[in-house]
C-alpha atoms as a PDB file:
ATOM      1  CA  MET A   1      24.723  -6.272 -10.732  1.00  0.00           C
ATOM      2  CA  THR A   2      25.784  -4.574  -8.441  1.00  0.00           C
ATOM      3  CA  TYR A   3      23.921  -4.096  -5.431  1.00  0.00           C
ATOM      4  CA  THR A   4      24.223  -1.190  -2.912  1.00  0.00           C
ATOM      5  CA  SER A   5      22.940  -0.143   0.466  1.00  0.00           C
ATOM      6  CA  TYR A   6      23.627   2.259   3.159  1.00  0.00           C
ATOM      7  CA  ASN A   7      23.081   2.234   6.966  1.00  0.00           C
ATOM      8  CA  PRO A   8      24.203   5.637   9.038  1.00  0.00           C
ATOM      9  CA  ALA A   9      25.241   3.343  12.205  1.00  0.00           C
ATOM     10  CA  ASP A  10      28.120   1.977  10.018  1.00  0.00           C
ATOM     11  CA  GLU A  11      29.017   6.096   9.492  1.00  0.00           C
ATOM     12  CA  ALA A  12      27.944   6.998  13.390  1.00  0.00           C
ATOM     13  CA  PRO A  13      31.545   6.099  14.520  1.00  0.00           C
ATOM     14  CA  LYS A  14      32.969   8.312  12.623  1.00  0.00           C
ATOM     15  CA  THR A  15      30.690  11.457  11.526  1.00  0.00           C
ATOM     16  CA  GLY A  16      29.025  11.126  15.425  1.00  0.00           C
ATOM     17  CA  GLN A  17      25.376  10.932  14.160  1.00  0.00           C
ATOM     18  CA  PHE A  18      23.146   9.646  16.495  1.00  0.00           C
ATOM     19  CA  VAL A  19      21.540   6.631  15.048  1.00  0.00           C
ATOM     20  CA  PRO A  20      18.971   5.129  17.816  1.00  0.00           C
ATOM     21  CA  ASN A  21      19.184   1.667  18.893  1.00  0.00           C
ATOM     22  CA  TYR A  22      15.528   0.945  17.990  1.00  0.00           C
ATOM     23  CA  PRO A  23      14.767   1.709  14.210  1.00  0.00           C
ATOM     24  CA  ASN A  24      12.246   4.801  13.337  1.00  0.00           C
ATOM     25  CA  THR A  25       9.460   2.621  12.154  1.00  0.00           C
ATOM     26  CA  LEU A  26       6.591   3.460   9.467  1.00  0.00           C
ATOM     27  CA  ILE A  27       2.832   3.016  11.475  1.00  0.00           C
ATOM     28  CA  PHE A  28       1.210   4.214   8.391  1.00  0.00           C
ATOM     29  CA  VAL A  29       0.476   5.390   5.055  1.00  0.00           C
ATOM     30  CA  ASP A  30      -2.317   7.630   4.138  1.00  0.00           C
ATOM     31  CA  LEU A  31      -4.566   8.443   1.035  1.00  0.00           C
ATOM     32  CA  PRO A  32      -5.706  11.539  -0.795  1.00  0.00           C
ATOM     33  CA  SER A  33      -9.621  11.397  -1.335  1.00  0.00           C
ATOM     34  CA  ASP A  34     -11.944  14.284  -2.246  1.00  0.00           C
ATOM     35  CA  ASP A  35     -14.563  11.439  -1.071  1.00  0.00           C
ATOM     36  CA  PRO A  36     -12.693   9.361   1.547  1.00  0.00           C
ATOM     37  CA  ALA A  37     -16.082   7.562   2.382  1.00  0.00           C
ATOM     38  CA  LYS A  38     -16.353   6.701  -1.189  1.00  0.00           C
ATOM     39  CA  THR A  39     -12.930   5.966  -0.981  1.00  0.00           C
ATOM     40  CA  ALA A  40     -12.826   3.615   2.322  1.00  0.00           C
ATOM     41  CA  ARG A  41     -15.759   1.675   1.241  1.00  0.00           C
ATOM     42  CA  PHE A  42     -13.904   0.567  -2.476  1.00  0.00           C
ATOM     43  CA  TYR A  43     -11.401  -0.887   0.068  1.00  0.00           C
ATOM     44  CA  ALA A  44     -13.551  -2.183   2.614  1.00  0.00           C
ATOM     45  CA  ASP A  45     -15.502  -4.597  -0.272  1.00  0.00           C
ATOM     46  CA  LEU A  46     -12.169  -4.703  -3.058  1.00  0.00           C
ATOM     47  CA  PHE A  47     -10.074  -6.688  -0.162  1.00  0.00           C
ATOM     48  CA  GLY A  48     -12.787  -7.031   3.038  1.00  0.00           C
ATOM     49  CA  TRP A  49     -11.030  -4.384   5.299  1.00  0.00           C
ATOM     50  CA  VAL A  50     -13.263  -3.085   8.292  1.00  0.00           C
ATOM     51  CA  VAL A  51     -12.882   1.205   7.683  1.00  0.00           C
ATOM     52  CA  GLU A  52     -13.925   3.577  10.289  1.00  0.00           C
ATOM     53  CA  GLY A  53     -15.153   7.262  10.039  1.00  0.00           C
ATOM     54  CA  ARG A  54     -12.615   9.356  12.297  1.00  0.00           C
ATOM     55  CA  PRO A  55     -14.358  11.195  11.694  1.00  0.00           C
ATOM     56  CA  GLU A  56     -16.783  10.703   8.739  1.00  0.00           C
ATOM     57  CA  GLY A  57     -16.197  12.154   5.667  1.00  0.00           C
ATOM     58  CA  GLU A  58     -12.720  13.518   6.531  1.00  0.00           C
ATOM     59  CA  PHE A  59     -10.163  10.799   7.878  1.00  0.00           C
ATOM     60  CA  HIS A  60     -11.070   7.159   7.207  1.00  0.00           C
ATOM     61  CA  ARG A  61      -8.641   4.003   8.965  1.00  0.00           C
ATOM     62  CA  CYS A  62      -8.857   1.337   7.150  1.00  0.00           C
ATOM     63  CA  VAL A  63      -8.174  -2.595   9.196  1.00  0.00           C
ATOM     64  CA  PRO A  64      -7.211  -5.126   7.578  1.00  0.00           C
ATOM     65  CA  GLY A  65      -7.443  -7.114  10.837  1.00  0.00           C
ATOM     66  CA  GLN A  66      -5.585 -10.159  12.404  1.00  0.00           C
ATOM     67  CA  ASN A  67      -1.758 -10.092  12.388  1.00  0.00           C
ATOM     68  CA  PHE A  68       0.981 -10.448  10.418  1.00  0.00           C
ATOM     69  CA  MET A  69       2.567 -14.016   9.427  1.00  0.00           C
ATOM     70  CA  LEU A  70       4.949 -16.239  11.245  1.00  0.00           C
ATOM     71  CA  GLY A  71       7.657 -18.205   8.879  1.00  0.00           C
ATOM     72  CA  ASP A  72       5.997 -21.940   9.861  1.00  0.00           C
ATOM     73  CA  GLY A  73       2.148 -20.022   8.551  1.00  0.00           C
ATOM     74  CA  THR A  74       1.087 -19.173  12.432  1.00  0.00           C
ATOM     75  CA  GLN A  75      -0.214 -15.533  13.117  1.00  0.00           C
ATOM     76  CA  SER A  76       2.345 -13.015  14.906  1.00  0.00           C
ATOM     77  CA  ALA A  77       1.535 -10.903  17.824  1.00  0.00           C
ATOM     78  CA  VAL A  78       2.028  -7.987  15.438  1.00  0.00           C
ATOM     79  CA  GLY A  79      -0.903  -7.213  13.539  1.00  0.00           C
ATOM     80  CA  ASN A  80      -1.058  -6.068  10.003  1.00  0.00           C
ATOM     81  CA  LEU A  81      -0.870  -2.598   9.132  1.00  0.00           C
ATOM     82  CA  HIS A  82      -3.548   0.719   8.605  1.00  0.00           C
ATOM     83  CA  LEU A  83      -3.868   2.096   6.065  1.00  0.00           C
ATOM     84  CA  GLY A  84      -5.831   6.426   6.009  1.00  0.00           C
ATOM     85  CA  ILE A  85      -7.690   7.731   3.633  1.00  0.00           C
ATOM     86  CA  TYR A  86      -7.931  11.558   4.150  1.00  0.00           C
ATOM     87  CA  ASN A  87     -10.316  14.268   2.715  1.00  0.00           C
ATOM     88  CA  VAL A  88      -7.566  16.602   0.484  1.00  0.00           C
ATOM     89  CA  ASN A  89      -9.980  19.637   0.861  1.00  0.00           C
ATOM     90  CA  ASN A  90      -8.723  19.480   4.732  1.00  0.00           C
ATOM     91  CA  ALA A  91      -5.857  17.474   5.199  1.00  0.00           C
ATOM     92  CA  ARG A  92      -6.105  16.455   8.730  1.00  0.00           C
ATOM     93  CA  PRO A  93      -3.962  16.913  11.091  1.00  0.00           C
ATOM     94  CA  HIS A  94      -2.053  20.366  10.320  1.00  0.00           C
ATOM     95  CA  PRO A  95      -1.793  22.901  13.103  1.00  0.00           C
ATOM     96  CA  ASP A  96      -3.641  25.386  10.942  1.00  0.00           C
ATOM     97  CA  PRO A  97      -7.597  24.763  11.741  1.00  0.00           C
ATOM     98  CA  ALA A  98      -8.659  25.621   7.892  1.00  0.00           C
ATOM     99  CA  GLY A  99      -6.155  23.107   6.973  1.00  0.00           C
ATOM    100  CA  VAL A 100      -4.020  24.020   3.597  1.00  0.00           C
ATOM    101  CA  GLU A 101      -3.302  23.938   0.076  1.00  0.00           C
ATOM    102  CA  PRO A 102      -3.068  21.912  -2.442  1.00  0.00           C
ATOM    103  CA  ARG A 103      -6.922  20.982  -2.175  1.00  0.00           C
ATOM    104  CA  VAL A 104      -6.910  18.926  -5.254  1.00  0.00           C
ATOM    105  CA  LEU A 105      -6.419  14.978  -6.433  1.00  0.00           C
ATOM    106  CA  SER A 106      -3.422  14.539  -8.497  1.00  0.00           C
ATOM    107  CA  HIS A 107      -4.205  12.806 -10.997  1.00  0.00           C
ATOM    108  CA  LYS A 108      -1.570  11.353 -14.287  1.00  0.00           C
ATOM    109  CA  HIS A 109       1.887  12.363 -11.947  1.00  0.00           C
ATOM    110  CA  ARG A 110       4.029  10.245 -10.198  1.00  0.00           C
ATOM    111  CA  GLN A 111       3.301   9.700  -6.879  1.00  0.00           C
ATOM    112  CA  GLY A 112       3.540   6.780  -4.720  1.00  0.00           C
ATOM    113  CA  ARG A 113       2.491   3.674  -4.822  1.00  0.00           C
ATOM    114  CA  ILE A 114       0.894   1.099  -2.127  1.00  0.00           C
ATOM    115  CA  TRP A 115       2.122  -2.454  -2.484  1.00  0.00           C
ATOM    116  CA  ILE A 116      -0.991  -5.355  -1.277  1.00  0.00           C
ATOM    117  CA  LEU A 117      -0.178  -8.475  -0.689  1.00  0.00           C
ATOM    118  CA  VAL A 118      -2.648 -10.810  -1.944  1.00  0.00           C
ATOM    119  CA  SER A 119      -3.742 -13.412   0.859  1.00  0.00           C
ATOM    120  CA  ASP A 120      -2.337 -17.206  -0.078  1.00  0.00           C
ATOM    121  CA  ASP A 121      -6.321 -17.589  -0.413  1.00  0.00           C
ATOM    122  CA  ASP A 122      -7.030 -15.624  -2.645  1.00  0.00           C
ATOM    123  CA  ASN A 123      -5.780 -14.217  -5.684  1.00  0.00           C
ATOM    124  CA  GLN A 124      -5.027 -11.168  -8.335  1.00  0.00           C
ATOM    125  CA  GLU A 125      -7.442 -12.023 -11.101  1.00  0.00           C
ATOM    126  CA  ARG A 126      -9.904 -11.956  -8.835  1.00  0.00           C
ATOM    127  CA  LEU A 127      -9.162  -8.451  -6.802  1.00  0.00           C
ATOM    128  CA  LEU A 128      -9.003  -6.575 -10.348  1.00  0.00           C
ATOM    129  CA  ASP A 129     -11.417  -7.774 -11.842  1.00  0.00           C
ATOM    130  CA  ARG A 130     -13.531  -7.031  -8.318  1.00  0.00           C
ATOM    131  CA  ALA A 131     -11.216  -3.296  -8.724  1.00  0.00           C
ATOM    132  CA  GLU A 132     -12.397  -2.881 -12.204  1.00  0.00           C
ATOM    133  CA  GLU A 133     -16.073  -2.865 -11.068  1.00  0.00           C
ATOM    134  CA  LEU A 134     -16.016  -1.054  -8.694  1.00  0.00           C
ATOM    135  CA  GLY A 135     -14.573   1.731 -10.685  1.00  0.00           C
ATOM    136  CA  ALA A 136     -10.725   1.382 -10.775  1.00  0.00           C
ATOM    137  CA  THR A 137      -8.790   1.262 -13.968  1.00  0.00           C
ATOM    138  CA  ILE A 138      -6.273  -1.709 -14.790  1.00  0.00           C
ATOM    139  CA  LEU A 139      -3.008  -0.785 -14.998  1.00  0.00           C
ATOM    140  CA  TRP A 140      -1.331  -4.138 -15.896  1.00  0.00           C
ATOM    141  CA  ARG A 141      -1.921  -7.415 -15.424  1.00  0.00           C
ATOM    142  CA  LYS A 142       0.136 -10.714 -15.349  1.00  0.00           C
ATOM    143  CA  HIS A 143       3.498  -9.612 -14.839  1.00  0.00           C
ATOM    144  CA  TYR A 144       6.630 -11.236 -12.969  1.00  0.00           C
ATOM    145  CA  TRP A 145       9.433  -8.999 -10.940  1.00  0.00           C
ATOM    146  CA  LYS A 146      12.593 -11.766 -10.893  1.00  0.00           C
ATOM    147  CA  GLU A 147      14.120  -8.947  -8.126  1.00  0.00           C
ATOM    148  CA  PHE A 148      11.946  -9.634  -5.846  1.00  0.00           C
ATOM    149  CA  SER A 149      10.043 -12.997  -7.602  1.00  0.00           C
ATOM    150  CA  GLY A 150       7.069 -11.301  -7.085  1.00  0.00           C
ATOM    151  CA  PHE A 151       3.715 -11.735  -9.850  1.00  0.00           C
ATOM    152  CA  ASN A 152       2.270  -8.342  -9.847  1.00  0.00           C
ATOM    153  CA  GLY A 153      -0.243  -6.601 -11.914  1.00  0.00           C
ATOM    154  CA  ALA A 154      -1.731  -3.035 -10.505  1.00  0.00           C
ATOM    155  CA  PHE A 155      -4.904  -0.350 -10.720  1.00  0.00           C
ATOM    156  CA  GLU A 156      -5.454   3.266  -9.818  1.00  0.00           C
ATOM    157  CA  ASP A 157      -8.676   3.917  -8.066  1.00  0.00           C
ATOM    158  CA  ALA A 158     -10.756   6.548  -9.122  1.00  0.00           C
ATOM    159  CA  TRP A 159      -8.502   9.141  -6.768  1.00  0.00           C
ATOM    160  CA  GLY A 160      -5.830   8.643  -8.545  1.00  0.00           C
ATOM    161  CA  ASN A 161      -3.937   6.040  -6.422  1.00  0.00           C
ATOM    162  CA  GLU A 162      -1.555   3.345  -7.728  1.00  0.00           C
ATOM    163  CA  VAL A 163      -2.115  -0.148  -5.966  1.00  0.00           C
ATOM    164  CA  ILE A 164      -0.392  -3.006  -7.158  1.00  0.00           C
ATOM    165  CA  LEU A 165      -1.122  -6.497  -5.946  1.00  0.00           C
ATOM    166  CA  TRP A 166       1.689  -8.809  -5.283  1.00  0.00           C
ATOM    167  CA  THR A 167       2.217 -12.060  -4.544  1.00  0.00           C
ATOM    168  CA  LYS A 168       5.113 -14.120  -3.602  1.00  0.00           C
ATOM    169  CA  GLY A 169       7.146 -16.178  -6.324  1.00  0.00           C
ATOM    170  CA  GLY A 170       8.945 -18.127  -4.046  1.00  0.00           C
ATOM    171  CA  ASP A 171      12.819 -20.130  -4.962  1.00  0.00           C
ATOM    172  CA  ASN A 172      12.009 -21.401  -8.320  1.00  0.00           C
ATOM    173  CA  PRO A 173       8.953 -19.577  -9.508  1.00  0.00           C
ATOM    174  CA  ASP A 174       6.646 -21.331 -12.120  1.00  0.00           C
ATOM    175  CA  ILE A 175       6.095 -18.092 -14.855  1.00  0.00           C
ATOM    176  CA  PRO A 176       3.220 -18.822 -17.199  1.00  0.00           C
ATOM    177  CA  SER A 177       4.088 -17.890 -20.567  1.00  0.00           C
ATOM    178  CA  ASP A 178       1.359 -15.438 -20.679  1.00  0.00           C
ATOM    179  CA  TYR A 179       3.194 -13.099 -18.670  1.00  0.00           C
ATOM    180  CA  THR A 180       5.536 -10.552 -18.921  1.00  0.00           C
ATOM    181  CA  PHE A 181       8.476 -10.734 -16.736  1.00  0.00           C
ATOM    182  CA  GLU A 182      11.893  -8.411 -16.129  1.00  0.00           C
END
């Protein structure tokens, strides 16, 4: 398989394109919901995250807590990313106080997916079972993706958001016989 990558900085001397010295980074991802408080509670109950209504019922922030891990298993000084849940009836922020269309969830269409790294002291089967108990639809279980050496399963929450649970496979993973793989 051939891999390609593109880095604008490689072309900048020829094109004159501006490339910042420090990258623009991802800081937040939002999920749509027609009931942000209920959606926030789903993720709090499933993953043990703290949720904050800001304001209650309109936008909720899910805060996993603690920090990104270092290679030696200790925590870095960098906090884990947060997840937002916004109300599709009036997605904030927006310059128009009344918001704009569309104001409905997008079930059964391709949209963004959220990838959650499963903690070393938790497991996908427990999380998938709990997600199902909380109203999610299981999309798949017990799959291995060699490209990034990861075991994965996925669910769709009641608001149409696809969540992939990811467990690192390591250098020479033992793939159980009941797993599918690619």
